[in-house]
Amino acid sequence: NRDRRGEYEQVIDEMFARTSTDRSPWVAVPADAKWHAR
């Protein structure tokens, strides 16, 4: 999956654009820092 990261980044952004709605929005959390993410 890591080898195909570029493809995954594109489909993730498309997923956000097409399924983030007023009633069930997406929230993206920066997770490089574990304490902050939790």
Full PDB file with SEQRES, HELIX, SHEET, SSBOND, CRYST1, ORIGX, SCALE, CONECT and MASTER records, all heavy atoms in Angstrom:
SEQRES   1 A   38  ASN ARG ASP ARG ARG GLY GLU TYR GLU GLN VAL ILE ASP          
SEQRES   2 A   38  GLU MET PHE ALA ARG THR SER THR ASP ARG SER PRO TRP          
SEQRES   3 A   38  VAL ALA VAL PRO ALA ASP ALA LYS TRP HIS ALA ARG              
HELIX    1 AA1 ARG A    2  ARG A    4  5                                   3    
HELIX    2 AA2 ARG A    5  THR A   19  1                                  15    
HELIX    3 AA3 LYS A   34  ALA A   37  1                                   4    
CRYST1    1.000    1.000    1.000  90.00  90.00  90.00 P 1           1          
ORIGX1      1.000000  0.000000  0.000000        0.00000                         
ORIGX2      0.000000  1.000000  0.000000        0.00000                         
ORIGX3      0.000000  0.000000  1.000000        0.00000                         
SCALE1      1.000000  0.000000  0.000000        0.00000                         
SCALE2      0.000000  1.000000  0.000000        0.00000                         
SCALE3      0.000000  0.000000  1.000000        0.00000                         
ATOM      1  N   ASN A   1       0.824  -1.205   0.000  1.00  0.00           N  
ATOM      2  CA  ASN A   1       0.000   0.000   0.000  1.00  0.00           C  
ATOM      3  C   ASN A   1       0.863   1.263   0.000  1.00  0.00           C  
ATOM      4  O   ASN A   1       0.521   2.268  -0.629  1.00  0.00           O  
ATOM      5  CB  ASN A   1      -0.930   0.007   1.216  1.00  0.00           C  
ATOM      6  CG  ASN A   1      -2.021  -1.037   1.127  1.00  0.00           C  
ATOM      7  OD1 ASN A   1      -2.245  -1.630   0.065  1.00  0.00           O  
ATOM      8  ND2 ASN A   1      -2.689  -1.292   2.227  1.00  0.00           N  
ATOM      9  N   ARG A   2       1.972   1.212   0.702  1.00  0.00           N  
ATOM     10  CA  ARG A   2       2.873   2.371   0.759  1.00  0.00           C  
ATOM     11  C   ARG A   2       3.429   2.680  -0.631  1.00  0.00           C  
ATOM     12  O   ARG A   2       3.603   3.850  -0.996  1.00  0.00           O  
ATOM     13  CB  ARG A   2       4.006   2.097   1.742  1.00  0.00           C  
ATOM     14  CG  ARG A   2       5.013   3.231   1.862  1.00  0.00           C  
ATOM     15  CD  ARG A   2       6.082   2.910   2.900  1.00  0.00           C  
ATOM     16  NE  ARG A   2       7.178   3.864   2.821  1.00  0.00           N  
ATOM     17  CZ  ARG A   2       7.193   5.051   3.399  1.00  0.00           C  
ATOM     18  NH1 ARG A   2       6.164   5.452   4.107  1.00  0.00           N  
ATOM     19  NH2 ARG A   2       8.235   5.853   3.267  1.00  0.00           N  
ATOM     20  N   ASP A   3       3.704   1.655  -1.418  1.00  0.00           N  
ATOM     21  CA  ASP A   3       4.224   1.855  -2.773  1.00  0.00           C  
ATOM     22  C   ASP A   3       3.213   2.570  -3.671  1.00  0.00           C  
ATOM     23  O   ASP A   3       3.588   3.147  -4.695  1.00  0.00           O  
ATOM     24  CB  ASP A   3       4.611   0.514  -3.403  1.00  0.00           C  
ATOM     25  CG  ASP A   3       5.897  -0.057  -2.806  1.00  0.00           C  
ATOM     26  OD1 ASP A   3       6.673   0.729  -2.230  1.00  0.00           O  
ATOM     27  OD2 ASP A   3       6.105  -1.275  -2.913  1.00  0.00           O  
ATOM     28  N   ARG A   4       1.940   2.524  -3.303  1.00  0.00           N  
ATOM     29  CA  ARG A   4       0.890   3.141  -4.115  1.00  0.00           C  
ATOM     30  C   ARG A   4       0.312   4.377  -3.418  1.00  0.00           C  
ATOM     31  O   ARG A   4      -0.829   4.758  -3.655  1.00  0.00           O  
ATOM     32  CB  ARG A   4      -0.216   2.119  -4.406  1.00  0.00           C  
ATOM     33  CG  ARG A   4       0.303   0.832  -5.010  1.00  0.00           C  
ATOM     34  CD  ARG A   4      -0.794  -0.127  -5.409  1.00  0.00           C  
ATOM     35  NE  ARG A   4      -1.461   0.306  -6.615  1.00  0.00           N  
ATOM     36  CZ  ARG A   4      -2.321  -0.465  -7.312  1.00  0.00           C  
ATOM     37  NH1 ARG A   4      -2.587  -1.683  -6.898  1.00  0.00           N  
ATOM     38  NH2 ARG A   4      -2.900  -0.005  -8.391  1.00  0.00           N  
ATOM     39  N   ARG A   5       1.128   5.008  -2.615  1.00  0.00           N  
ATOM     40  CA  ARG A   5       0.649   6.132  -1.801  1.00  0.00           C  
ATOM     41  C   ARG A   5       0.049   7.242  -2.657  1.00  0.00           C  
ATOM     42  O   ARG A   5      -0.974   7.829  -2.304  1.00  0.00           O  
ATOM     43  CB  ARG A   5       1.780   6.689  -0.938  1.00  0.00           C  
ATOM     44  CG  ARG A   5       1.290   7.809  -0.005  1.00  0.00           C  
ATOM     45  CD  ARG A   5       2.381   8.352   0.880  1.00  0.00           C  
ATOM     46  NE  ARG A   5       1.876   9.460   1.670  1.00  0.00           N  
ATOM     47  CZ  ARG A   5       1.526   9.394   2.952  1.00  0.00           C  
ATOM     48  NH1 ARG A   5       1.622   8.254   3.593  1.00  0.00           N  
ATOM     49  NH2 ARG A   5       1.070  10.467   3.593  1.00  0.00           N  
ATOM     50  N   GLY A   6       0.673   7.564  -3.784  1.00  0.00           N  
ATOM     51  CA  GLY A   6       0.153   8.627  -4.632  1.00  0.00           C  
ATOM     52  C   GLY A   6      -1.274   8.357  -5.069  1.00  0.00           C  
ATOM     53  O   GLY A   6      -2.126   9.265  -5.073  1.00  0.00           O  
ATOM     54  N   GLU A   7      -1.559   7.097  -5.446  1.00  0.00           N  
ATOM     55  CA  GLU A   7      -2.932   6.739  -5.831  1.00  0.00           C  
ATOM     56  C   GLU A   7      -3.879   6.887  -4.652  1.00  0.00           C  
ATOM     57  O   GLU A   7      -5.008   7.390  -4.798  1.00  0.00           O  
ATOM     58  CB  GLU A   7      -2.974   5.301  -6.346  1.00  0.00           C  
ATOM     59  CG  GLU A   7      -2.227   5.060  -7.650  1.00  0.00           C  
ATOM     60  CD  GLU A   7      -2.268   3.611  -8.040  1.00  0.00           C  
ATOM     61  OE1 GLU A   7      -3.364   3.125  -8.405  1.00  0.00           O  
ATOM     62  OE2 GLU A   7      -1.213   2.946  -7.972  1.00  0.00           O  
ATOM     63  N   TYR A   8      -3.423   6.436  -3.493  1.00  0.00           N  
ATOM     64  CA  TYR A   8      -4.280   6.522  -2.313  1.00  0.00           C  
ATOM     65  C   TYR A   8      -4.579   7.973  -1.945  1.00  0.00           C  
ATOM     66  O   TYR A   8      -5.705   8.306  -1.552  1.00  0.00           O  
ATOM     67  CB  TYR A   8      -3.643   5.793  -1.124  1.00  0.00           C  
ATOM     68  CG  TYR A   8      -3.953   4.312  -1.106  1.00  0.00           C  
ATOM     69  CD1 TYR A   8      -3.027   3.376  -1.546  1.00  0.00           C  
ATOM     70  CD2 TYR A   8      -5.189   3.847  -0.657  1.00  0.00           C  
ATOM     71  CE1 TYR A   8      -3.315   2.015  -1.531  1.00  0.00           C  
ATOM     72  CE2 TYR A   8      -5.493   2.496  -0.644  1.00  0.00           C  
ATOM     73  CZ  TYR A   8      -4.553   1.587  -1.079  1.00  0.00           C  
ATOM     74  OH  TYR A   8      -4.854   0.246  -1.075  1.00  0.00           O  
ATOM     75  N   GLU A   9      -3.596   8.844  -2.050  1.00  0.00           N  
ATOM     76  CA  GLU A   9      -3.834  10.252  -1.729  1.00  0.00           C  
ATOM     77  C   GLU A   9      -4.924  10.841  -2.625  1.00  0.00           C  
ATOM     78  O   GLU A   9      -5.780  11.606  -2.158  1.00  0.00           O  
ATOM     79  CB  GLU A   9      -2.539  11.046  -1.870  1.00  0.00           C  
ATOM     80  CG  GLU A   9      -1.519  10.756  -0.770  1.00  0.00           C  
ATOM     81  CD  GLU A   9      -0.205  11.474  -0.981  1.00  0.00           C  
ATOM     82  OE1 GLU A   9       0.031  11.951  -2.121  1.00  0.00           O  
ATOM     83  OE2 GLU A   9       0.589  11.559  -0.029  1.00  0.00           O  
ATOM     84  N   GLN A  10      -4.903  10.483  -3.902  1.00  0.00           N  
ATOM     85  CA  GLN A  10      -5.920  10.995  -4.826  1.00  0.00           C  
ATOM     86  C   GLN A  10      -7.306  10.489  -4.461  1.00  0.00           C  
ATOM     87  O   GLN A  10      -8.276  11.266  -4.442  1.00  0.00           O  
ATOM     88  CB  GLN A  10      -5.566  10.584  -6.259  1.00  0.00           C  
ATOM     89  CG  GLN A  10      -4.331  11.269  -6.820  1.00  0.00           C  
ATOM     90  CD  GLN A  10      -4.013  10.814  -8.236  1.00  0.00           C  
ATOM     91  OE1 GLN A  10      -4.846  10.215  -8.915  1.00  0.00           O  
ATOM     92  NE2 GLN A  10      -2.805  11.092  -8.681  1.00  0.00           N  
ATOM     93  N   VAL A  11      -7.425   9.190  -4.152  1.00  0.00           N  
ATOM     94  CA  VAL A  11      -8.759   8.652  -3.871  1.00  0.00           C  
ATOM     95  C   VAL A  11      -9.257   9.102  -2.493  1.00  0.00           C  
ATOM     96  O   VAL A  11     -10.470   9.227  -2.279  1.00  0.00           O  
ATOM     97  CB  VAL A  11      -8.794   7.115  -4.000  1.00  0.00           C  
ATOM     98  CG1 VAL A  11      -8.392   6.682  -5.411  1.00  0.00           C  
ATOM     99  CG2 VAL A  11      -7.930   6.425  -2.973  1.00  0.00           C  
ATOM    100  N   ILE A  12      -8.345   9.362  -1.561  1.00  0.00           N  
ATOM    101  CA  ILE A  12      -8.759   9.890  -0.253  1.00  0.00           C  
ATOM    102  C   ILE A  12      -9.358  11.283  -0.419  1.00  0.00           C  
ATOM    103  O   ILE A  12     -10.437  11.583   0.115  1.00  0.00           O  
ATOM    104  CB  ILE A  12      -7.570   9.912   0.727  1.00  0.00           C  
ATOM    105  CG1 ILE A  12      -7.183   8.483   1.121  1.00  0.00           C  
ATOM    106  CG2 ILE A  12      -7.912  10.725   1.972  1.00  0.00           C  
ATOM    107  CD1 ILE A  12      -5.821   8.369   1.765  1.00  0.00           C  
ATOM    108  N   ASP A  13      -8.685  12.136  -1.164  1.00  0.00           N  
ATOM    109  CA  ASP A  13      -9.225  13.481  -1.388  1.00  0.00           C  
ATOM    110  C   ASP A  13     -10.555  13.430  -2.137  1.00  0.00           C  
ATOM    111  O   ASP A  13     -11.462  14.224  -1.862  1.00  0.00           O  
ATOM    112  CB  ASP A  13      -8.215  14.334  -2.155  1.00  0.00           C  
ATOM    113  CG  ASP A  13      -7.149  14.940  -1.248  1.00  0.00           C  
ATOM    114  OD1 ASP A  13      -7.378  15.033  -0.029  1.00  0.00           O  
ATOM    115  OD2 ASP A  13      -6.077  15.324  -1.759  1.00  0.00           O  
ATOM    116  N   GLU A  14     -10.684  12.505  -3.075  1.00  0.00           N  
ATOM    117  CA  GLU A  14     -11.964  12.361  -3.777  1.00  0.00           C  
ATOM    118  C   GLU A  14     -13.045  11.871  -2.815  1.00  0.00           C  
ATOM    119  O   GLU A  14     -14.202  12.327  -2.883  1.00  0.00           O  
ATOM    120  CB  GLU A  14     -11.835  11.407  -4.960  1.00  0.00           C  
ATOM    121  CG  GLU A  14     -13.117  11.307  -5.771  1.00  0.00           C  
ATOM    122  CD  GLU A  14     -12.979  10.480  -7.043  1.00  0.00           C  
ATOM    123  OE1 GLU A  14     -11.859  10.014  -7.351  1.00  0.00           O  
ATOM    124  OE2 GLU A  14     -14.012  10.296  -7.736  1.00  0.00           O  
ATOM    125  N   MET A  15     -12.676  10.958  -1.922  1.00  0.00           N  
ATOM    126  CA  MET A  15     -13.629  10.487  -0.919  1.00  0.00           C  
ATOM    127  C   MET A  15     -14.122  11.647  -0.059  1.00  0.00           C  
ATOM    128  O   MET A  15     -15.328  11.789   0.185  1.00  0.00           O  
ATOM    129  CB  MET A  15     -12.968   9.430  -0.040  1.00  0.00           C  
ATOM    130  CG  MET A  15     -13.823   8.944   1.127  1.00  0.00           C  
ATOM    131  SD  MET A  15     -12.892   7.887   2.258  1.00  0.00           S  
ATOM    132  CE  MET A  15     -11.863   9.114   3.111  1.00  0.00           C  
ATOM    133  N   PHE A  16     -13.196  12.496   0.400  1.00  0.00           N  
ATOM    134  CA  PHE A  16     -13.597  13.667   1.186  1.00  0.00           C  
ATOM    135  C   PHE A  16     -14.571  14.532   0.386  1.00  0.00           C  
ATOM    136  O   PHE A  16     -15.619  14.947   0.891  1.00  0.00           O  
ATOM    137  CB  PHE A  16     -12.373  14.504   1.557  1.00  0.00           C  
ATOM    138  CG  PHE A  16     -11.425  13.879   2.541  1.00  0.00           C  
ATOM    139  CD1 PHE A  16     -10.082  14.246   2.549  1.00  0.00           C  
ATOM    140  CD2 PHE A  16     -11.864  12.946   3.464  1.00  0.00           C  
ATOM    141  CE1 PHE A  16      -9.195  13.696   3.467  1.00  0.00           C  
ATOM    142  CE2 PHE A  16     -10.980  12.377   4.385  1.00  0.00           C  
ATOM    143  CZ  PHE A  16      -9.645  12.758   4.379  1.00  0.00           C  
ATOM    144  N   ALA A  17     -14.202  14.828  -0.857  1.00  0.00           N  
ATOM    145  CA  ALA A  17     -14.989  15.752  -1.670  1.00  0.00           C  
ATOM    146  C   ALA A  17     -16.395  15.225  -1.935  1.00  0.00           C  
ATOM    147  O   ALA A  17     -17.351  15.999  -2.002  1.00  0.00           O  
ATOM    148  CB  ALA A  17     -14.270  16.026  -2.991  1.00  0.00           C  
ATOM    149  N   ARG A  18     -16.536  13.909  -2.067  1.00  0.00           N  
ATOM    150  CA  ARG A  18     -17.816  13.347  -2.485  1.00  0.00           C  
ATOM    151  C   ARG A  18     -18.670  12.809  -1.344  1.00  0.00           C  
ATOM    152  O   ARG A  18     -19.855  12.513  -1.555  1.00  0.00           O  
ATOM    153  CB  ARG A  18     -17.579  12.256  -3.529  1.00  0.00           C  
ATOM    154  CG  ARG A  18     -16.885  12.789  -4.785  1.00  0.00           C  
ATOM    155  CD  ARG A  18     -16.790  11.757  -5.888  1.00  0.00           C  
ATOM    156  NE  ARG A  18     -18.109  11.371  -6.384  1.00  0.00           N  
ATOM    157  CZ  ARG A  18     -18.306  10.559  -7.434  1.00  0.00           C  
ATOM    158  NH1 ARG A  18     -17.259  10.090  -8.095  1.00  0.00           N  
ATOM    159  NH2 ARG A  18     -19.517  10.238  -7.812  1.00  0.00           N  
ATOM    160  N   THR A  19     -18.093  12.668  -0.150  1.00  0.00           N  
ATOM    161  CA  THR A  19     -18.875  12.079   0.953  1.00  0.00           C  
ATOM    162  C   THR A  19     -18.826  12.895   2.235  1.00  0.00           C  
ATOM    163  O   THR A  19     -19.347  12.444   3.258  1.00  0.00           O  
ATOM    164  CB  THR A  19     -18.396  10.640   1.257  1.00  0.00           C  
ATOM    165  OG1 THR A  19     -17.035  10.672   1.704  1.00  0.00           O  
ATOM    166  CG2 THR A  19     -18.520   9.743   0.029  1.00  0.00           C  
ATOM    167  N   SER A  20     -18.219  14.075   2.215  1.00  0.00           N  
ATOM    168  CA  SER A  20     -18.263  14.947   3.390  1.00  0.00           C  
ATOM    169  C   SER A  20     -19.510  15.817   3.272  1.00  0.00           C  
ATOM    170  O   SER A  20     -19.573  16.708   2.419  1.00  0.00           O  
ATOM    171  CB  SER A  20     -17.000  15.813   3.468  1.00  0.00           C  
ATOM    172  OG  SER A  20     -16.887  16.425   4.730  1.00  0.00           O  
ATOM    173  N   THR A  21     -20.503  15.540   4.085  1.00  0.00           N  
ATOM    174  CA  THR A  21     -21.796  16.210   3.990  1.00  0.00           C  
ATOM    175  C   THR A  21     -22.049  17.026   5.250  1.00  0.00           C  
ATOM    176  O   THR A  21     -21.357  16.895   6.255  1.00  0.00           O  
ATOM    177  CB  THR A  21     -22.923  15.184   3.804  1.00  0.00           C  
ATOM    178  OG1 THR A  21     -22.997  14.357   4.980  1.00  0.00           O  
ATOM    179  CG2 THR A  21     -22.670  14.313   2.582  1.00  0.00           C  
ATOM    180  N   ASP A  22     -23.086  17.869   5.192  1.00  0.00           N  
ATOM    181  CA  ASP A  22     -23.427  18.685   6.349  1.00  0.00           C  
ATOM    182  C   ASP A  22     -23.728  17.825   7.573  1.00  0.00           C  
ATOM    183  O   ASP A  22     -23.356  18.171   8.690  1.00  0.00           O  
ATOM    184  CB  ASP A  22     -24.630  19.569   6.041  1.00  0.00           C  
ATOM    185  CG  ASP A  22     -24.280  20.737   5.135  1.00  0.00           C  
ATOM    186  OD1 ASP A  22     -23.083  20.940   4.883  1.00  0.00           O  
ATOM    187  OD2 ASP A  22     -25.208  21.435   4.686  1.00  0.00           O  
ATOM    188  N   ARG A  23     -24.408  16.711   7.365  1.00  0.00           N  
ATOM    189  CA  ARG A  23     -24.808  15.872   8.496  1.00  0.00           C  
ATOM    190  C   ARG A  23     -23.708  14.926   8.950  1.00  0.00           C  
ATOM    191  O   ARG A  23     -23.675  14.519  10.109  1.00  0.00           O  
ATOM    192  CB  ARG A  23     -26.057  15.067   8.130  1.00  0.00           C  
ATOM    193  CG  ARG A  23     -27.310  15.912   8.006  1.00  0.00           C  
ATOM    194  CD  ARG A  23     -28.522  15.034   7.913  1.00  0.00           C  
ATOM    195  NE  ARG A  23     -29.759  15.805   7.946  1.00  0.00           N  
ATOM    196  CZ  ARG A  23     -30.955  15.260   8.107  1.00  0.00           C  
ATOM    197  NH1 ARG A  23     -31.056  13.947   8.238  1.00  0.00           N  
ATOM    198  NH2 ARG A  23     -32.031  16.000   8.135  1.00  0.00           N  
ATOM    199  N   SER A  24     -22.843  14.519   8.054  1.00  0.00           N  
ATOM    200  CA  SER A  24     -21.757  13.608   8.437  1.00  0.00           C  
ATOM    201  C   SER A  24     -20.469  14.031   7.738  1.00  0.00           C  
ATOM    202  O   SER A  24     -20.045  13.403   6.768  1.00  0.00           O  
ATOM    203  CB  SER A  24     -22.109  12.148   8.117  1.00  0.00           C  
ATOM    204  OG  SER A  24     -22.520  12.005   6.770  1.00  0.00           O  
ATOM    205  N   PRO A  25     -19.871  15.115   8.222  1.00  0.00           N  
ATOM    206  CA  PRO A  25     -18.652  15.632   7.592  1.00  0.00           C  
ATOM    207  C   PRO A  25     -17.425  14.800   7.967  1.00  0.00           C  
ATOM    208  O   PRO A  25     -17.389  14.141   9.009  1.00  0.00           O  
ATOM    209  CB  PRO A  25     -18.540  17.046   8.170  1.00  0.00           C  
ATOM    210  CG  PRO A  25     -19.164  16.928   9.526  1.00  0.00           C  
ATOM    211  CD  PRO A  25     -20.300  15.950   9.368  1.00  0.00           C  
ATOM    212  N   TRP A  26     -16.429  14.856   7.108  1.00  0.00           N  
ATOM    213  CA  TRP A  26     -15.137  14.254   7.421  1.00  0.00           C  
ATOM    214  C   TRP A  26     -14.292  15.235   8.229  1.00  0.00           C  
ATOM    215  O   TRP A  26     -14.294  16.442   7.956  1.00  0.00           O  
ATOM    216  CB  TRP A  26     -14.378  13.900   6.150  1.00  0.00           C  
ATOM    217  CG  TRP A  26     -14.721  12.557   5.590  1.00  0.00           C  
ATOM    218  CD1 TRP A  26     -15.482  12.300   4.480  1.00  0.00           C  
ATOM    219  CD2 TRP A  26     -14.317  11.283   6.111  1.00  0.00           C  
ATOM    220  NE1 TRP A  26     -15.581  10.938   4.277  1.00  0.00           N  
ATOM    221  CE2 TRP A  26     -14.875  10.292   5.271  1.00  0.00           C  
ATOM    222  CE3 TRP A  26     -13.547  10.882   7.196  1.00  0.00           C  
ATOM    223  CZ2 TRP A  26     -14.670   8.926   5.485  1.00  0.00           C  
ATOM    224  CZ3 TRP A  26     -13.349   9.534   7.413  1.00  0.00           C  
ATOM    225  CH2 TRP A  26     -13.905   8.566   6.570  1.00  0.00           C  
ATOM    226  N   VAL A  27     -13.556  14.708   9.190  1.00  0.00           N  
ATOM    227  CA  VAL A  27     -12.543  15.474   9.909  1.00  0.00           C  
ATOM    228  C   VAL A  27     -11.210  14.760   9.710  1.00  0.00           C  
ATOM    229  O   VAL A  27     -11.085  13.575  10.037  1.00  0.00           O  
ATOM    230  CB  VAL A  27     -12.871  15.579  11.410  1.00  0.00           C  
ATOM    231  CG1 VAL A  27     -11.720  16.242  12.156  1.00  0.00           C  
ATOM    232  CG2 VAL A  27     -14.159  16.354  11.620  1.00  0.00           C  
ATOM    233  N   ALA A  28     -10.230  15.464   9.142  1.00  0.00           N  
ATOM    234  CA  ALA A  28      -8.894  14.902   8.937  1.00  0.00           C  
ATOM    235  C   ALA A  28      -7.994  15.361  10.074  1.00  0.00           C  
ATOM    236  O   ALA A  28      -7.894  16.558  10.344  1.00  0.00           O  
ATOM    237  CB  ALA A  28      -8.334  15.330   7.587  1.00  0.00           C  
ATOM    238  N   VAL A  29      -7.355  14.410  10.729  1.00  0.00           N  
ATOM    239  CA  VAL A  29      -6.535  14.690  11.909  1.00  0.00           C  
ATOM    240  C   VAL A  29      -5.063  14.453  11.585  1.00  0.00           C  
ATOM    241  O   VAL A  29      -4.688  13.335  11.233  1.00  0.00           O  
ATOM    242  CB  VAL A  29      -6.950  13.787  13.085  1.00  0.00           C  
ATOM    243  CG1 VAL A  29      -6.070  14.053  14.308  1.00  0.00           C  
ATOM    244  CG2 VAL A  29      -8.424  13.981  13.421  1.00  0.00           C  
ATOM    245  N   PRO A  30      -4.203  15.470  11.686  1.00  0.00           N  
ATOM    246  CA  PRO A  30      -2.764  15.234  11.534  1.00  0.00           C  
ATOM    247  C   PRO A  30      -2.290  14.271  12.625  1.00  0.00           C  
ATOM    248  O   PRO A  30      -2.524  14.515  13.808  1.00  0.00           O  
ATOM    249  CB  PRO A  30      -2.144  16.619  11.709  1.00  0.00           C  
ATOM    250  CG  PRO A  30      -3.270  17.584  11.443  1.00  0.00           C  
ATOM    251  CD  PRO A  30      -4.502  16.889  11.920  1.00  0.00           C  
ATOM    252  N   ALA A  31      -1.634  13.174  12.244  1.00  0.00           N  
ATOM    253  CA  ALA A  31      -1.340  12.111  13.204  1.00  0.00           C  
ATOM    254  C   ALA A  31       0.144  11.815  13.364  1.00  0.00           C  
ATOM    255  O   ALA A  31       0.501  10.793  13.957  1.00  0.00           O  
ATOM    256  CB  ALA A  31      -2.085  10.831  12.796  1.00  0.00           C  
ATOM    257  N   ASP A  32       1.024  12.695  12.855  1.00  0.00           N  
ATOM    258  CA  ASP A  32       2.457  12.461  13.054  1.00  0.00           C  
ATOM    259  C   ASP A  32       2.827  12.501  14.534  1.00  0.00           C  
ATOM    260  O   ASP A  32       3.742  11.796  14.966  1.00  0.00           O  
ATOM    261  CB  ASP A  32       3.278  13.513  12.291  1.00  0.00           C  
ATOM    262  CG  ASP A  32       3.479  13.144  10.835  1.00  0.00           C  
ATOM    263  OD1 ASP A  32       2.865  12.154  10.373  1.00  0.00           O  
ATOM    264  OD2 ASP A  32       4.251  13.843  10.143  1.00  0.00           O  
ATOM    265  N   ALA A  33       2.140  13.325  15.316  1.00  0.00           N  
ATOM    266  CA  ALA A  33       2.352  13.393  16.760  1.00  0.00           C  
ATOM    267  C   ALA A  33       1.210  12.630  17.438  1.00  0.00           C  
ATOM    268  O   ALA A  33       0.063  13.063  17.400  1.00  0.00           O  
ATOM    269  CB  ALA A  33       2.384  14.845  17.235  1.00  0.00           C  
ATOM    270  N   LYS A  34       1.529  11.492  18.040  1.00  0.00           N  
ATOM    271  CA  LYS A  34       0.493  10.620  18.582  1.00  0.00           C  
ATOM    272  C   LYS A  34      -0.322  11.296  19.673  1.00  0.00           C  
ATOM    273  O   LYS A  34      -1.550  11.147  19.721  1.00  0.00           O  
ATOM    274  CB  LYS A  34       1.115   9.333  19.131  1.00  0.00           C  
ATOM    275  CG  LYS A  34       1.661   8.400  18.076  1.00  0.00           C  
ATOM    276  CD  LYS A  34       2.194   7.121  18.710  1.00  0.00           C  
ATOM    277  CE  LYS A  34       2.738   6.165  17.662  1.00  0.00           C  
ATOM    278  NZ  LYS A  34       3.255   4.910  18.283  1.00  0.00           N  
ATOM    279  N   TRP A  35       0.333  12.031  20.573  1.00  0.00           N  
ATOM    280  CA  TRP A  35      -0.404  12.675  21.658  1.00  0.00           C  
ATOM    281  C   TRP A  35      -1.418  13.661  21.106  1.00  0.00           C  
ATOM    282  O   TRP A  35      -2.576  13.696  21.535  1.00  0.00           O  
ATOM    283  CB  TRP A  35       0.558  13.390  22.600  1.00  0.00           C  
ATOM    284  CG  TRP A  35       1.457  12.489  23.385  1.00  0.00           C  
ATOM    285  CD1 TRP A  35       1.358  11.120  23.472  1.00  0.00           C  
ATOM    286  CD2 TRP A  35       2.565  12.875  24.199  1.00  0.00           C  
ATOM    287  NE1 TRP A  35       2.355  10.639  24.283  1.00  0.00           N  
ATOM    288  CE2 TRP A  35       3.111  11.686  24.757  1.00  0.00           C  
ATOM    289  CE3 TRP A  35       3.155  14.096  24.515  1.00  0.00           C  
ATOM    290  CZ2 TRP A  35       4.212  11.698  25.602  1.00  0.00           C  
ATOM    291  CZ3 TRP A  35       4.246  14.122  25.367  1.00  0.00           C  
ATOM    292  CH2 TRP A  35       4.777  12.931  25.907  1.00  0.00           C  
ATOM    293  N   HIS A  36      -0.974  14.476  20.151  1.00  0.00           N  
ATOM    294  CA  HIS A  36      -1.896  15.446  19.555  1.00  0.00           C  
ATOM    295  C   HIS A  36      -3.069  14.743  18.884  1.00  0.00           C  
ATOM    296  O   HIS A  36      -4.221  15.162  19.036  1.00  0.00           O  
ATOM    297  CB  HIS A  36      -1.176  16.315  18.534  1.00  0.00           C  
ATOM    298  CG  HIS A  36      -2.106  17.008  17.583  1.00  0.00           C  
ATOM    299  ND1 HIS A  36      -2.968  18.009  17.988  1.00  0.00           N  
ATOM    300  CD2 HIS A  36      -2.354  16.803  16.268  1.00  0.00           C  
ATOM    301  CE1 HIS A  36      -3.687  18.403  16.952  1.00  0.00           C  
ATOM    302  NE2 HIS A  36      -3.341  17.689  15.905  1.00  0.00           N  
ATOM    303  N   ALA A  37      -2.796  13.683  18.125  1.00  0.00           N  
ATOM    304  CA  ALA A  37      -3.852  12.995  17.390  1.00  0.00           C  
ATOM    305  C   ALA A  37      -4.899  12.413  18.337  1.00  0.00           C  
ATOM    306  O   ALA A  37      -6.106  12.522  18.084  1.00  0.00           O  
ATOM    307  CB  ALA A  37      -3.249  11.902  16.514  1.00  0.00           C  
ATOM    308  N   ARG A  38      -4.452  11.804  19.415  1.00  0.00           N  
ATOM    309  CA  ARG A  38      -5.397  11.188  20.358  1.00  0.00           C  
ATOM    310  C   ARG A  38      -6.303  12.237  21.000  1.00  0.00           C  
ATOM    311  O   ARG A  38      -7.522  12.029  21.122  1.00  0.00           O  
ATOM    312  CB  ARG A  38      -4.622  10.428  21.428  1.00  0.00           C  
ATOM    313  CG  ARG A  38      -3.891   9.209  20.898  1.00  0.00           C  
ATOM    314  CD  ARG A  38      -2.865   8.701  21.880  1.00  0.00           C  
ATOM    315  NE  ARG A  38      -2.092   7.595  21.343  1.00  0.00           N  
ATOM    316  CZ  ARG A  38      -1.003   7.094  21.920  1.00  0.00           C  
ATOM    317  NH1 ARG A  38      -0.565   7.625  23.059  1.00  0.00           N  
ATOM    318  NH2 ARG A  38      -0.352   6.086  21.369  1.00  0.00           N  
TER     319      ARG A  38                                                      
MASTER        0    0    0    3    0    0    0    6  318    1    0    3          
END                                                                             
